[in-house]
N, C-alpha and C. Protein backbone atom coordinates (compact mmCIF):
# COMPACT_ATOMS: atom_id res chain seq x y z
N SER A 1 -14.33 13.60 22.76
CA SER A 1 -15.36 12.85 21.68
C SER A 1 -14.84 11.63 21.48
N THR A 2 -16.21 11.03 20.77
CA THR A 2 -15.22 9.38 20.34
C THR A 2 -14.77 9.18 18.70
N VAL A 3 -13.81 8.79 18.46
CA VAL A 3 -13.19 8.66 17.33
C VAL A 3 -13.59 7.27 16.41
N PRO A 4 -14.41 7.60 15.18
CA PRO A 4 -14.80 6.18 14.66
C PRO A 4 -13.57 5.32 14.63
N ILE A 5 -14.05 3.96 14.75
CA ILE A 5 -13.04 2.97 14.24
C ILE A 5 -13.18 2.44 12.65
N PRO A 6 -12.17 2.65 12.01
CA PRO A 6 -12.14 2.12 10.87
C PRO A 6 -12.33 0.42 10.43
N PHE A 7 -13.57 0.25 9.89
CA PHE A 7 -13.39 -1.62 9.91
C PHE A 7 -13.05 -1.88 8.86
N THR A 8 -11.87 -2.60 8.29
CA THR A 8 -11.48 -2.84 6.94
C THR A 8 -11.76 -4.36 6.51
N ALA A 9 -12.05 -5.27 7.22
CA ALA A 9 -12.02 -6.72 6.86
C ALA A 9 -13.45 -7.03 6.26
N THR A 10 -13.43 -8.02 5.52
CA THR A 10 -14.65 -8.65 4.94
C THR A 10 -15.49 -8.93 6.03
N VAL A 11 -16.91 -8.31 5.84
CA VAL A 11 -18.04 -8.51 6.95
C VAL A 11 -18.63 -9.70 7.08
N THR A 12 -18.16 -10.42 8.25
CA THR A 12 -18.61 -11.75 8.47
C THR A 12 -19.16 -11.88 10.04
N ALA A 13 -19.55 -12.73 10.54
CA ALA A 13 -19.70 -12.50 12.12
C ALA A 13 -18.37 -12.98 12.80
N SER A 14 -17.45 -13.80 12.07
CA SER A 14 -16.03 -14.08 12.80
C SER A 14 -15.41 -12.85 13.01
N ASN A 15 -15.24 -12.21 11.80
CA ASN A 15 -14.36 -11.04 11.45
C ASN A 15 -14.78 -9.89 12.09
N LEU A 16 -16.06 -9.78 12.38
CA LEU A 16 -16.72 -8.64 13.44
C LEU A 16 -16.75 -9.08 15.19
N LEU A 17 -16.63 -10.03 15.25
CA LEU A 17 -16.17 -10.79 16.65
C LEU A 17 -14.77 -10.61 17.14
N LEU A 18 -13.96 -10.89 16.10
CA LEU A 18 -12.28 -10.54 16.14
C LEU A 18 -11.95 -9.23 16.27
N PHE A 19 -12.74 -8.35 15.80
CA PHE A 19 -12.84 -6.93 15.57
C PHE A 19 -12.77 -6.25 16.87
N VAL A 20 -13.92 -6.70 17.35
CA VAL A 20 -14.48 -6.33 18.39
C VAL A 20 -13.36 -6.60 20.07
N LYS A 21 -13.02 -7.97 19.80
CA LYS A 21 -12.30 -8.69 20.68
C LYS A 21 -10.71 -7.83 20.68
N GLN A 22 -10.39 -7.51 19.04
CA GLN A 22 -8.79 -6.99 19.31
C GLN A 22 -9.02 -5.61 19.87
N THR A 23 -9.88 -4.75 19.55
CA THR A 23 -10.13 -3.26 19.60
C THR A 23 -10.51 -3.06 21.17
N LEU A 24 -11.30 -4.02 21.66
CA LEU A 24 -11.69 -3.40 22.84
C LEU A 24 -10.85 -4.09 23.78
N GLY A 25 -10.12 -5.00 23.64
CA GLY A 25 -9.01 -5.80 24.41
C GLY A 25 -9.78 -6.72 25.42
N VAL A 26 -11.17 -7.23 24.85
CA VAL A 26 -12.04 -7.97 25.98
C VAL A 26 -11.48 -9.55 25.13
N TRP A 27 -12.19 -10.43 26.25
CA TRP A 27 -12.04 -12.09 25.65
C TRP A 27 -13.56 -12.37 25.04
N ILE A 28 -13.50 -12.23 24.10
CA ILE A 28 -14.81 -13.10 23.32
C ILE A 28 -14.35 -14.38 22.83
N GLY A 29 -15.38 -15.19 22.80
CA GLY A 29 -15.11 -16.61 22.94
C GLY A 29 -15.30 -16.96 21.07
N LEU A 30 -14.58 -16.88 20.36
CA LEU A 30 -14.69 -16.91 18.37
C LEU A 30 -14.49 -18.55 18.95
N PRO A 31 -15.58 -18.80 17.67
CA PRO A 31 -15.34 -20.49 17.32
C PRO A 31 -14.12 -20.82 17.37
N GLY A 32 -13.78 -22.13 18.39
CA GLY A 32 -12.50 -22.50 18.35
C GLY A 32 -11.43 -22.33 19.56
N CYS A 33 -11.89 -20.93 19.71
CA CYS A 33 -11.08 -20.26 21.19
C CYS A 33 -11.12 -21.11 22.07
N LEU A 34 -10.24 -21.05 23.09
CA LEU A 34 -10.45 -21.73 24.22
C LEU A 34 -9.79 -20.60 25.31
N GLU A 35 -10.60 -19.68 26.33
CA GLU A 35 -10.24 -18.62 27.06
C GLU A 35 -9.07 -19.31 27.64
N ARG A 36 -8.88 -20.27 28.30
CA ARG A 36 -7.45 -20.96 29.14
C ARG A 36 -6.17 -20.71 27.70
N TYR A 37 -6.32 -20.81 27.02
CA TYR A 37 -5.13 -20.75 25.95
C TYR A 37 -4.99 -19.40 25.38
N ASP A 38 -5.92 -18.44 25.12
CA ASP A 38 -6.03 -17.26 24.88
C ASP A 38 -5.25 -16.57 25.74
N SER A 39 -5.22 -16.51 26.86
CA SER A 39 -4.78 -15.78 27.96
C SER A 39 -3.06 -16.28 27.94
N LEU A 40 -2.66 -17.40 27.72
CA LEU A 40 -1.20 -17.81 27.32
C LEU A 40 -0.56 -17.19 26.30
N THR A 41 -1.54 -17.22 25.13
CA THR A 41 -1.18 -16.51 23.67
C THR A 41 -0.86 -14.70 23.41
N ASP A 42 -1.91 -14.17 24.72
CA ASP A 42 -2.15 -12.97 24.50
C ASP A 42 -0.82 -11.98 24.77
N GLY A 43 -0.25 -11.53 23.73
CA GLY A 43 1.02 -10.68 24.11
C GLY A 43 2.68 -11.80 23.50
N PHE A 44 1.93 -13.08 23.29
CA PHE A 44 2.79 -13.96 22.97
C PHE A 44 4.44 -13.55 22.26
N LEU A 45 3.99 -13.22 20.95
CA LEU A 45 5.10 -12.73 20.01
C LEU A 45 6.17 -11.88 20.54
N SER A 46 5.45 -10.95 21.62
CA SER A 46 6.48 -9.91 21.99
C SER A 46 7.48 -10.41 23.01
N LEU A 47 6.83 -11.56 23.68
CA LEU A 47 7.94 -12.22 24.82
C LEU A 47 9.37 -12.43 24.60
N GLU A 48 10.30 -12.56 25.45
CA GLU A 48 11.50 -13.03 25.24
C GLU A 48 11.12 -14.56 24.80
N GLU A 49 12.48 -15.36 24.53
CA GLU A 49 12.60 -16.54 24.28
C GLU A 49 12.30 -17.27 25.34
N SER A 50 12.77 -17.00 26.43
CA SER A 50 12.58 -18.21 27.90
C SER A 50 11.14 -17.81 28.20
N GLN A 51 10.55 -16.73 28.06
CA GLN A 51 9.04 -16.43 28.57
C GLN A 51 8.21 -16.97 27.67
N LYS A 52 8.42 -17.33 26.48
CA LYS A 52 7.65 -17.94 25.38
C LYS A 52 8.09 -19.61 25.83
N THR A 53 8.89 -20.18 26.20
CA THR A 53 9.29 -21.40 26.53
C THR A 53 8.58 -22.10 27.80
N GLU A 54 8.41 -20.89 28.44
CA GLU A 54 7.72 -21.27 29.99
C GLU A 54 5.97 -21.12 29.05
N LYS A 55 5.40 -20.41 28.53
CA LYS A 55 3.90 -20.23 28.15
C LYS A 55 3.92 -21.61 27.49
N VAL A 56 4.88 -22.08 26.67
CA VAL A 56 4.63 -23.19 25.98
C VAL A 56 4.57 -24.47 27.15
N ALA A 57 5.51 -24.47 27.71
CA ALA A 57 5.32 -25.64 28.86
C ALA A 57 3.45 -25.52 29.70
N ALA A 58 3.55 -24.33 29.57
CA ALA A 58 1.90 -23.90 30.46
C ALA A 58 0.97 -24.68 29.97
N ALA A 59 1.19 -24.58 28.39
CA ALA A 59 -0.09 -24.76 27.22
C ALA A 59 -0.20 -26.29 27.44
N GLU A 60 1.19 -26.89 27.53
CA GLU A 60 1.32 -28.50 27.45
C GLU A 60 0.73 -29.20 28.73
N ASP A 61 0.81 -28.69 29.76
CA ASP A 61 -0.08 -28.72 30.93
C ASP A 61 -1.06 -28.82 31.13
N LEU A 62 -1.76 -27.77 30.37
CA LEU A 62 -3.37 -27.67 30.20
C LEU A 62 -3.56 -28.85 29.36
N LEU A 63 -3.03 -28.91 28.21
CA LEU A 63 -3.55 -30.14 27.10
C LEU A 63 -3.42 -31.24 27.82
N ALA A 64 -2.49 -31.91 28.38
CA ALA A 64 -2.50 -33.14 29.40
C ALA A 64 -3.80 -33.29 30.00
N LYS A 65 -4.14 -32.15 30.74
CA LYS A 65 -5.23 -32.24 31.40
C LYS A 65 -6.80 -32.46 30.65
N GLU A 66 -6.64 -31.74 29.50
CA GLU A 66 -7.87 -32.09 28.50
C GLU A 66 -8.68 -33.75 28.50
N GLU A 67 -9.77 -33.30 28.44
CA GLU A 67 -10.69 -34.72 28.63
C GLU A 67 -11.48 -34.69 27.33
N ALA A 68 -12.14 -33.37 26.88
CA ALA A 68 -12.95 -33.56 25.96
C ALA A 68 -12.43 -33.27 24.33
N ASP A 69 -13.00 -34.26 23.70
CA ASP A 69 -12.11 -34.89 22.07
C ASP A 69 -11.69 -33.53 21.64
N ALA A 70 -13.05 -32.41 21.55
CA ALA A 70 -13.05 -31.09 21.12
C ALA A 70 -11.96 -30.20 21.41
N ASP A 71 -12.12 -30.49 22.88
CA ASP A 71 -11.06 -29.18 23.45
C ASP A 71 -9.48 -29.80 23.26
N LYS A 72 -9.33 -31.16 22.93
CA LYS A 72 -7.90 -31.64 22.78
C LYS A 72 -7.23 -31.02 21.38
N LYS A 73 -8.44 -31.57 20.47
CA LYS A 73 -7.72 -31.48 19.43
C LYS A 73 -7.85 -29.63 18.98
N THR A 74 -8.43 -28.77 19.74
CA THR A 74 -8.03 -27.20 19.43
C THR A 74 -6.69 -27.20 20.02
N ALA A 75 -6.64 -27.45 21.56
CA ALA A 75 -5.45 -27.30 22.21
C ALA A 75 -4.24 -27.68 21.50
N SER A 76 -4.41 -28.75 21.03
CA SER A 76 -3.12 -29.49 20.23
C SER A 76 -2.92 -28.35 19.19
N PHE A 77 -3.65 -27.59 18.51
CA PHE A 77 -3.13 -26.85 17.48
C PHE A 77 -2.66 -25.46 18.47
N TYR A 78 -2.88 -24.74 19.31
CA TYR A 78 -2.58 -23.96 20.05
C TYR A 78 -1.12 -24.32 20.31
N VAL A 79 -0.67 -25.66 20.78
CA VAL A 79 0.60 -25.68 21.45
C VAL A 79 1.40 -26.06 20.20
N GLU A 80 0.89 -26.85 19.01
CA GLU A 80 1.96 -26.73 18.14
C GLU A 80 2.48 -25.52 17.41
N MET A 81 1.16 -24.53 17.47
CA MET A 81 1.63 -22.89 16.73
C MET A 81 2.24 -22.18 17.63
N MET A 82 2.47 -22.45 19.29
CA MET A 82 3.26 -21.74 20.04
C MET A 82 4.69 -22.30 20.01
N LYS A 83 4.70 -23.66 19.71
CA LYS A 83 6.23 -24.31 19.70
C LYS A 83 6.68 -23.84 18.46
N ASN A 84 5.91 -23.80 17.10
CA ASN A 84 6.61 -23.45 15.89
C ASN A 84 6.88 -21.95 15.93
N VAL A 85 6.29 -20.88 16.75
CA VAL A 85 6.88 -19.66 17.08
C VAL A 85 8.56 -19.58 17.76
N VAL A 86 8.09 -20.70 18.61
CA VAL A 86 9.77 -20.86 19.73
C VAL A 86 10.91 -21.43 18.59
N LYS A 87 10.54 -22.26 17.79
CA LYS A 87 11.34 -23.14 16.67
C LYS A 87 11.49 -21.93 15.51
N GLU A 88 10.64 -21.41 14.91
CA GLU A 88 10.96 -20.61 13.99
C GLU A 88 10.86 -19.31 13.58
N GLY A 89 10.54 -18.77 14.60
CA GLY A 89 10.33 -16.80 15.28
C GLY A 89 9.02 -16.84 14.75
N ASN A 90 8.62 -15.38 15.02
CA ASN A 90 7.21 -15.15 15.03
C ASN A 90 6.67 -15.12 13.75
N GLY A 91 7.73 -15.21 12.71
CA GLY A 91 7.19 -15.56 11.02
C GLY A 91 6.03 -16.39 11.07
N ALA A 92 6.35 -17.68 11.70
CA ALA A 92 5.37 -19.04 11.67
C ALA A 92 4.00 -18.54 11.63
N VAL A 93 3.70 -17.40 12.55
CA VAL A 93 2.08 -17.40 12.60
C VAL A 93 1.82 -17.40 10.90
N ALA A 94 2.36 -15.80 10.50
CA ALA A 94 2.12 -15.60 9.28
C ALA A 94 1.89 -16.55 8.38
N LYS A 95 2.94 -17.18 8.48
CA LYS A 95 3.15 -18.44 7.25
C LYS A 95 1.90 -19.53 7.61
N ALA A 96 1.54 -19.50 8.82
CA ALA A 96 0.68 -20.72 8.85
C ALA A 96 -0.75 -20.08 8.41
N THR A 97 -0.90 -18.84 8.92
CA THR A 97 -1.75 -18.31 8.27
C THR A 97 -2.48 -18.04 7.10
N LYS A 98 -1.20 -17.81 6.27
CA LYS A 98 -1.26 -18.04 4.71
C LYS A 98 -1.56 -19.36 3.97
N ALA A 99 -1.19 -20.38 4.61
CA ALA A 99 -1.18 -21.45 4.35
C ALA A 99 -2.87 -22.26 4.75
N ILE A 100 -3.37 -22.15 5.80
CA ILE A 100 -4.73 -22.11 6.21
C ILE A 100 -5.66 -21.47 5.12
N GLU A 101 -5.08 -20.10 4.81
CA GLU A 101 -6.37 -19.86 4.01
C GLU A 101 -6.41 -20.19 2.77
N GLU A 102 -5.65 -21.60 2.31
CA GLU A 102 -5.82 -21.99 1.14
C GLU A 102 -6.31 -23.26 1.56
N GLU A 103 -6.72 -23.54 2.69
CA GLU A 103 -7.19 -25.02 3.20
C GLU A 103 -8.69 -24.91 2.71
N ALA A 104 -9.46 -26.11 2.74
CA ALA A 104 -10.55 -26.23 2.27
C ALA A 104 -11.13 -27.01 3.80
N GLY A 105 -12.46 -27.36 4.51
CA GLY A 105 -12.83 -27.90 5.14
C GLY A 105 -13.39 -27.14 6.82
N ASP A 106 -13.71 -28.02 7.71
CA ASP A 106 -14.43 -27.42 8.04
C ASP A 106 -13.68 -26.88 9.61
N ASP A 107 -12.37 -27.16 9.76
CA ASP A 107 -11.44 -26.74 10.50
C ASP A 107 -10.86 -25.23 10.24
N LYS A 108 -11.02 -25.07 8.92
CA LYS A 108 -10.55 -23.66 8.82
C LYS A 108 -10.76 -22.50 9.36
N ASP A 109 -12.31 -22.03 9.54
CA ASP A 109 -12.25 -21.23 10.59
C ASP A 109 -11.95 -20.76 12.05
N TRP A 110 -11.83 -22.14 12.46
CA TRP A 110 -11.82 -22.00 13.64
C TRP A 110 -9.98 -21.70 13.92
N LYS A 111 -9.17 -22.62 13.31
CA LYS A 111 -7.87 -22.20 13.01
C LYS A 111 -7.23 -20.88 12.75
N GLN A 112 -7.88 -20.34 11.91
CA GLN A 112 -7.95 -19.02 11.53
C GLN A 112 -7.93 -18.24 12.98
N ASN A 113 -9.33 -18.16 13.48
CA ASN A 113 -9.25 -17.85 14.61
C ASN A 113 -8.27 -17.94 16.00
N VAL A 114 -8.16 -19.16 15.89
CA VAL A 114 -6.79 -19.36 16.97
C VAL A 114 -5.45 -18.61 16.49
N LEU A 115 -5.11 -18.84 15.13
CA LEU A 115 -4.10 -17.74 14.69
C LEU A 115 -3.94 -16.21 15.06
N ALA A 116 -5.25 -15.76 14.73
CA ALA A 116 -5.60 -14.11 15.06
C ALA A 116 -5.18 -14.13 16.59
N SER A 117 -5.45 -15.10 17.53
CA SER A 117 -5.13 -14.71 18.98
C SER A 117 -3.82 -14.00 19.54
N LEU A 118 -2.94 -15.08 18.42
CA LEU A 118 -1.15 -14.95 18.29
C LEU A 118 -0.99 -13.88 17.76
N THR A 119 -1.57 -13.08 16.90
CA THR A 119 -1.15 -11.98 16.32
C THR A 119 -0.73 -10.79 16.94
N LYS A 120 -1.35 -10.76 18.05
CA LYS A 120 -1.48 -9.43 18.93
C LYS A 120 -0.21 -9.36 19.99
N TYR A 121 0.33 -8.36 19.48
CA TYR A 121 1.59 -7.90 20.37
C TYR A 121 1.15 -7.29 21.47
N ARG A 122 2.20 -6.98 22.28
CA ARG A 122 1.76 -6.54 23.75
C ARG A 122 2.84 -5.44 23.99
N CYS A 123 3.02 -4.32 24.42
CA CYS A 123 4.33 -3.50 24.77
C CYS A 123 3.85 -3.22 25.98
N LYS A 124 4.82 -3.91 26.94
CA LYS A 124 4.45 -3.66 28.67
C LYS A 124 5.88 -3.46 29.07
N SER A 125 5.65 -2.66 30.14
CA SER A 125 7.19 -2.30 30.98
C SER A 125 7.94 -3.39 31.00
N GLY A 126 9.11 -3.48 30.77
CA GLY A 126 10.11 -4.74 31.15
C GLY A 126 10.50 -5.03 29.45
N HIS A 127 9.29 -5.19 28.70
CA HIS A 127 9.37 -5.96 27.29
C HIS A 127 10.61 -4.81 26.71
N THR A 128 11.59 -5.69 25.98
CA THR A 128 12.64 -4.65 25.26
C THR A 128 12.38 -3.68 24.18
N GLY A 129 12.60 -2.70 24.52
CA GLY A 129 12.12 -1.60 23.65
C GLY A 129 10.77 -0.58 24.47
N CYS A 130 10.46 -1.40 24.90
CA CYS A 130 9.02 -0.70 25.36
C CYS A 130 9.59 0.58 26.36
N LEU A 131 9.14 1.52 26.52
CA LEU A 131 9.38 2.71 27.42
C LEU A 131 8.11 3.45 27.88
N LYS A 132 7.99 3.41 29.36
CA LYS A 132 7.34 3.52 30.25
C LYS A 132 5.71 4.96 30.19
N ALA A 133 6.84 5.78 29.78
CA ALA A 133 6.56 6.99 29.30
C ALA A 133 5.57 7.36 28.23
N MET A 134 6.42 6.83 27.48
CA MET A 134 5.95 6.58 26.13
C MET A 134 4.12 6.02 26.28
N ASP A 135 4.22 4.61 26.80
CA ASP A 135 3.11 3.88 26.94
C ASP A 135 1.96 4.21 27.43
N ALA A 136 2.41 5.25 28.36
CA ALA A 136 1.10 5.70 29.24
C ALA A 136 0.18 6.60 28.39
N VAL A 137 0.95 7.44 27.23
CA VAL A 137 0.47 8.48 26.19
C VAL A 137 -0.44 7.29 25.34
N ALA A 138 0.30 6.48 24.91
CA ALA A 138 -0.29 5.42 23.72
C ALA A 138 -1.32 4.74 24.49
N GLU A 139 -1.45 4.59 25.37
CA GLU A 139 -2.81 3.65 25.60
C GLU A 139 -3.78 4.23 25.57
N THR A 140 -4.03 5.86 25.69
CA THR A 140 -5.26 6.41 25.57
C THR A 140 -5.63 7.26 24.57
N PHE A 141 -4.23 7.02 23.12
CA PHE A 141 -3.78 8.06 22.06
C PHE A 141 -5.14 7.89 21.33
N LEU A 142 -5.57 6.67 20.77
CA LEU A 142 -6.71 6.61 19.67
C LEU A 142 -7.82 6.77 20.27
N ALA A 143 -7.95 6.86 21.65
CA ALA A 143 -9.39 7.39 21.93
C ALA A 143 -9.44 8.69 22.49
N ALA A 144 -8.52 9.32 22.02
CA ALA A 144 -8.35 10.94 22.00
C ALA A 144 -8.71 11.52 20.89
N SER A 145 -9.53 12.74 20.73
CA SER A 145 -9.84 13.48 19.83
C SER A 145 -8.93 14.35 18.94
N VAL A 146 -9.16 14.53 17.83
CA VAL A 146 -7.97 15.04 16.92
C VAL A 146 -7.20 15.85 17.89
N GLU A 147 -8.10 16.93 18.36
CA GLU A 147 -7.35 18.19 18.73
C GLU A 147 -6.62 17.91 20.33
N GLU A 148 -6.85 16.52 20.74
CA GLU A 148 -6.45 16.34 21.96
C GLU A 148 -5.10 15.51 21.59
N ARG A 149 -5.07 15.05 20.30
CA ARG A 149 -3.73 14.10 19.84
C ARG A 149 -2.67 14.90 19.74
N ALA A 150 -2.99 16.25 19.00
CA ALA A 150 -2.11 17.18 19.01
C ALA A 150 -1.76 17.69 19.93
N GLY A 151 -1.75 17.80 20.80
CA GLY A 151 -1.38 18.11 22.35
C GLY A 151 -0.64 16.79 22.95
N LEU A 152 -1.17 15.71 22.64
CA LEU A 152 -0.35 14.67 23.48
C LEU A 152 0.84 14.28 22.25
N LEU A 153 0.79 14.83 21.29
CA LEU A 153 2.33 14.25 20.38
C LEU A 153 3.16 15.61 20.87
N LYS A 154 2.80 16.70 21.17
CA LYS A 154 3.68 17.46 21.64
C LYS A 154 4.47 17.04 23.07
N LYS A 155 3.60 16.15 24.05
CA LYS A 155 3.86 15.86 25.27
C LYS A 155 4.82 14.79 24.99
N VAL A 156 4.85 14.07 24.12
CA VAL A 156 5.90 12.84 23.92
C VAL A 156 7.10 13.60 23.10
N GLN A 157 6.65 14.46 22.37
CA GLN A 157 8.12 14.96 21.48
C GLN A 157 9.07 15.64 22.51
N ALA A 158 8.40 16.25 23.61
CA ALA A 158 9.47 17.00 24.71
C ALA A 158 10.45 15.95 25.29
N LEU A 159 9.93 14.58 25.67
CA LEU A 159 10.64 13.76 26.56
C LEU A 159 11.88 13.45 26.50
N ASP A 160 12.47 13.23 26.71
CA ASP A 160 14.09 13.61 26.79
C ASP A 160 14.51 11.88 27.02
N PHE A 161 15.06 11.29 26.16
CA PHE A 161 15.86 10.02 26.21
C PHE A 161 17.18 10.08 25.85
N SER A 162 17.66 11.05 26.13
CA SER A 162 19.14 11.21 25.61
C SER A 162 20.04 10.46 26.47
N LYS A 163 19.75 9.73 27.41
CA LYS A 163 21.00 8.99 28.12
C LYS A 163 20.95 7.96 27.99
N ASP A 164 20.23 7.32 27.11
CA ASP A 164 20.38 6.15 27.10
C ASP A 164 20.21 5.73 25.31
N GLU A 165 21.23 5.33 24.68
CA GLU A 165 20.84 5.09 23.20
C GLU A 165 19.75 3.98 22.70
N ALA A 166 19.67 3.47 23.34
CA ALA A 166 18.64 2.12 23.01
C ALA A 166 17.33 2.53 23.07
N ASP A 167 16.89 3.61 24.31
CA ASP A 167 15.77 4.18 24.40
C ASP A 167 15.14 5.61 23.43
N GLN A 168 16.34 6.11 22.77
CA GLN A 168 16.36 6.79 21.70
C GLN A 168 15.88 6.10 20.69
N GLU A 169 16.16 4.98 20.63
CA GLU A 169 15.69 4.04 19.12
C GLU A 169 14.50 4.07 19.15
N SER A 170 14.21 3.38 20.33
CA SER A 170 12.82 3.30 21.06
C SER A 170 11.81 4.62 20.76
N ALA A 171 12.19 5.46 21.18
CA ALA A 171 11.62 6.42 21.10
C ALA A 171 11.43 6.98 19.43
N LYS A 172 12.02 6.79 18.74
CA LYS A 172 11.85 7.28 17.39
C LYS A 172 10.90 6.41 16.63
N VAL A 173 10.53 5.05 17.17
CA VAL A 173 9.80 4.38 16.55
C VAL A 173 8.35 4.53 17.07
N TYR A 174 8.57 4.77 18.49
CA TYR A 174 7.02 5.41 18.90
C TYR A 174 6.39 6.65 18.34
N LEU A 175 7.49 7.80 17.94
CA LEU A 175 7.28 9.20 17.43
C LEU A 175 6.66 8.88 16.29
N GLY A 176 7.18 8.23 15.14
CA GLY A 176 7.08 7.72 13.93
C GLY A 176 5.56 7.42 13.88
N ILE A 177 5.02 6.44 14.86
CA ILE A 177 3.50 5.89 15.23
C ILE A 177 2.79 7.11 15.46
N PHE A 178 3.04 7.83 16.20
CA PHE A 178 2.17 8.72 16.85
C PHE A 178 1.87 9.58 15.74
N LYS A 179 2.94 9.91 14.96
CA LYS A 179 2.85 10.69 13.97
C LYS A 179 1.48 10.65 12.49
N ARG A 180 1.83 9.23 12.28
CA ARG A 180 1.31 8.25 11.48
C ARG A 180 0.00 8.56 11.70
N ILE A 181 -0.42 8.33 13.02
CA ILE A 181 -2.12 8.33 13.37
C ILE A 181 -2.32 9.19 13.44
N VAL A 182 -1.72 10.66 13.63
CA VAL A 182 -2.17 11.96 13.64
C VAL A 182 -2.61 12.37 11.87
N ASP A 183 -1.77 11.43 11.28
CA ASP A 183 -1.93 12.01 9.61
C ASP A 183 -3.01 10.89 9.02
N LYS A 184 -2.57 9.58 9.61
CA LYS A 184 -3.94 8.84 8.97
C LYS A 184 -4.73 8.61 9.73
N GLY A 185 -4.69 8.59 10.70
CA GLY A 185 -6.00 8.15 11.67
C GLY A 185 -6.06 6.91 12.25
N THR A 186 -7.01 6.36 12.94
CA THR A 186 -6.76 5.30 13.93
C THR A 186 -6.42 4.00 13.35
N GLY A 187 -7.09 4.17 12.28
CA GLY A 187 -7.08 2.66 11.47
C GLY A 187 -5.49 2.54 11.28
N TYR A 188 -4.65 3.58 11.00
CA TYR A 188 -3.12 3.49 10.90
C TYR A 188 -2.72 2.24 11.92
N VAL A 189 -2.99 2.24 13.03
CA VAL A 189 -2.32 0.72 14.01
C VAL A 189 -2.82 -0.54 13.03
N GLU A 190 -4.17 -0.76 12.83
CA GLU A 190 -4.56 -2.09 12.28
C GLU A 190 -3.86 -2.36 11.11
N SER A 191 -3.88 -1.39 10.13
CA SER A 191 -2.97 -1.63 8.84
C SER A 191 -1.66 -2.30 8.76
N GLU A 192 -1.40 -1.18 9.70
CA GLU A 192 0.47 -1.63 10.04
C GLU A 192 0.36 -3.06 10.70
N THR A 193 0.02 -2.83 11.49
CA THR A 193 0.19 -4.34 12.00
C THR A 193 -0.24 -5.23 10.78
N ALA A 194 -1.03 -5.37 10.29
CA ALA A 194 -1.75 -6.61 9.45
C ALA A 194 -0.49 -6.67 8.13
N ARG A 195 0.27 -5.20 7.83
CA ARG A 195 1.13 -5.37 6.84
C ARG A 195 2.44 -5.86 7.34
N LEU A 196 2.63 -5.59 8.49
CA LEU A 196 4.01 -6.41 9.37
C LEU A 196 4.00 -7.38 9.48
N ASN A 197 2.56 -7.89 9.83
CA ASN A 197 2.28 -9.77 9.88
C ASN A 197 2.59 -10.13 8.99
N LYS A 198 2.12 -9.66 7.68
CA LYS A 198 2.30 -9.98 5.96
C LYS A 198 3.53 -10.53 5.90
N LEU A 199 4.26 -9.43 6.05
CA LEU A 199 5.66 -9.34 5.81
C LEU A 199 6.84 -10.21 6.46
N LEU A 200 6.31 -10.87 7.85
CA LEU A 200 7.00 -11.59 8.33
C LEU A 200 6.93 -12.67 7.90
N GLY A 201 5.57 -12.97 7.01
CA GLY A 201 5.43 -14.59 6.51
C GLY A 201 6.31 -14.70 5.41
N SER A 202 6.92 -13.80 4.83
CA SER A 202 7.62 -13.69 3.47
C SER A 202 9.13 -13.94 3.92
N GLN A 203 10.11 -13.96 2.94
CA GLN A 203 11.22 -14.13 2.69
C GLN A 203 12.16 -12.79 2.93
N ILE A 204 12.40 -12.89 3.98
CA ILE A 204 12.70 -11.35 4.40
C ILE A 204 14.44 -11.69 5.14
N SER A 205 15.11 -10.95 5.58
CA SER A 205 16.46 -10.95 6.13
C SER A 205 16.18 -11.13 7.77
N ASP A 206 17.12 -11.60 8.92
CA ASP A 206 16.74 -11.93 10.11
C ASP A 206 16.93 -10.22 10.87
N ASN A 207 17.61 -9.60 10.17
CA ASN A 207 17.49 -8.39 10.35
C ASN A 207 16.17 -7.34 10.51
N LYS A 208 15.76 -7.79 9.28
CA LYS A 208 14.33 -7.01 8.89
C LYS A 208 13.06 -7.88 9.98
N LYS A 209 13.44 -8.97 10.01
CA LYS A 209 12.08 -9.72 11.00
C LYS A 209 12.58 -8.86 12.49
N LYS A 210 13.56 -8.62 12.62
CA LYS A 210 13.85 -8.11 13.98
C LYS A 210 13.38 -6.57 14.16
N GLN A 211 13.57 -5.97 13.29
CA GLN A 211 12.82 -4.70 13.12
C GLN A 211 11.04 -4.32 12.87
N PHE A 212 10.66 -5.52 12.13
CA PHE A 212 9.29 -5.52 12.09
C PHE A 212 8.72 -6.28 13.58
N GLN A 213 9.33 -7.32 14.08
CA GLN A 213 8.84 -7.87 15.34
C GLN A 213 8.92 -6.61 16.55
N PHE A 214 9.97 -5.61 16.39
CA PHE A 214 10.21 -4.70 17.24
C PHE A 214 9.27 -3.48 17.03
N LYS A 215 8.68 -3.07 15.92
CA LYS A 215 7.70 -2.39 15.85
C LYS A 215 6.29 -2.87 16.14
N LEU A 216 5.86 -4.32 15.56
CA LEU A 216 4.75 -4.64 16.10
C LEU A 216 4.60 -4.84 17.75
N THR A 217 5.47 -4.81 18.65
CA THR A 217 5.73 -4.89 19.71
C THR A 217 5.30 -3.75 20.50
N ILE A 218 5.99 -2.43 19.85
CA ILE A 218 5.47 -1.16 20.24
C ILE A 218 3.83 -0.75 19.74
N LEU A 219 3.76 -1.21 18.57
CA LEU A 219 2.28 -0.77 18.14
C LEU A 219 1.29 -1.61 18.77
N GLY A 220 1.62 -2.30 19.79
CA GLY A 220 0.77 -3.43 21.01
C GLY A 220 0.64 -2.29 21.90
N ALA A 221 1.22 -1.15 22.09
CA ALA A 221 0.87 -0.43 23.34
C ALA A 221 -0.14 0.55 23.10
N PHE A 222 -0.22 0.49 21.86
CA PHE A 222 -2.12 1.56 21.41
C PHE A 222 -2.87 1.12 22.15
N GLY A 223 -3.66 1.85 22.56
CA GLY A 223 -4.96 0.86 23.14
C GLY A 223 -6.01 1.36 22.18
N SER A 224 -7.12 1.00 22.29
CA SER A 224 -8.22 1.06 21.24
C SER A 224 -8.91 2.46 21.48
N SER A 225 -9.56 2.55 20.36
CA SER A 225 -10.03 3.94 20.37
C SER A 225 -11.68 4.20 20.50
N ALA A 226 -11.94 3.03 21.50
CA ALA A 226 -13.38 3.36 22.30
C ALA A 226 -13.42 4.12 23.22
């Protein structure tokens, strides 16, 4: 059976498009967004520093080839924000989002859309902390029925990661998310992602930043509920 997906944002055309884009994982041309740059920012926050630097270089190469003034303006903002993340850390996105919320003018909406494309974390095999066996279950967990989730939870609880201490720590985070979804429903992933992104924009210790970024990366392993 299909589990309803809670929509908690203010009902606007942009928010609805963003919700569909992030929930289904499909590219939708939100006002101001450019697909060629969205493809570079997808999962950007989950990357290692060296990988982020490579993505920035690729974005700069694209920017140098832009001809239309409107695209140059938008592309420059993408590159600026990607550079800020490399320089200041992932909290730079939440910080910029907060600042732009207080702006006025025609650029506000499209800048918010670009920043939204940067807030999605991706957990992929090879990323620090990601566990392939857990990811395989997480990918379909939100789309499963309540009864199916109970069975899937038992499945992941039975997985053995005792041979590697780091994997054990990752498994604890995954299990915590699985249990919260069972208890609170599919909206937990969206609400927890929003909460952690907001906290990253506040004054917190480097250790807390790493913890929140780590959890956000794992939250990115959970597929849509469609």
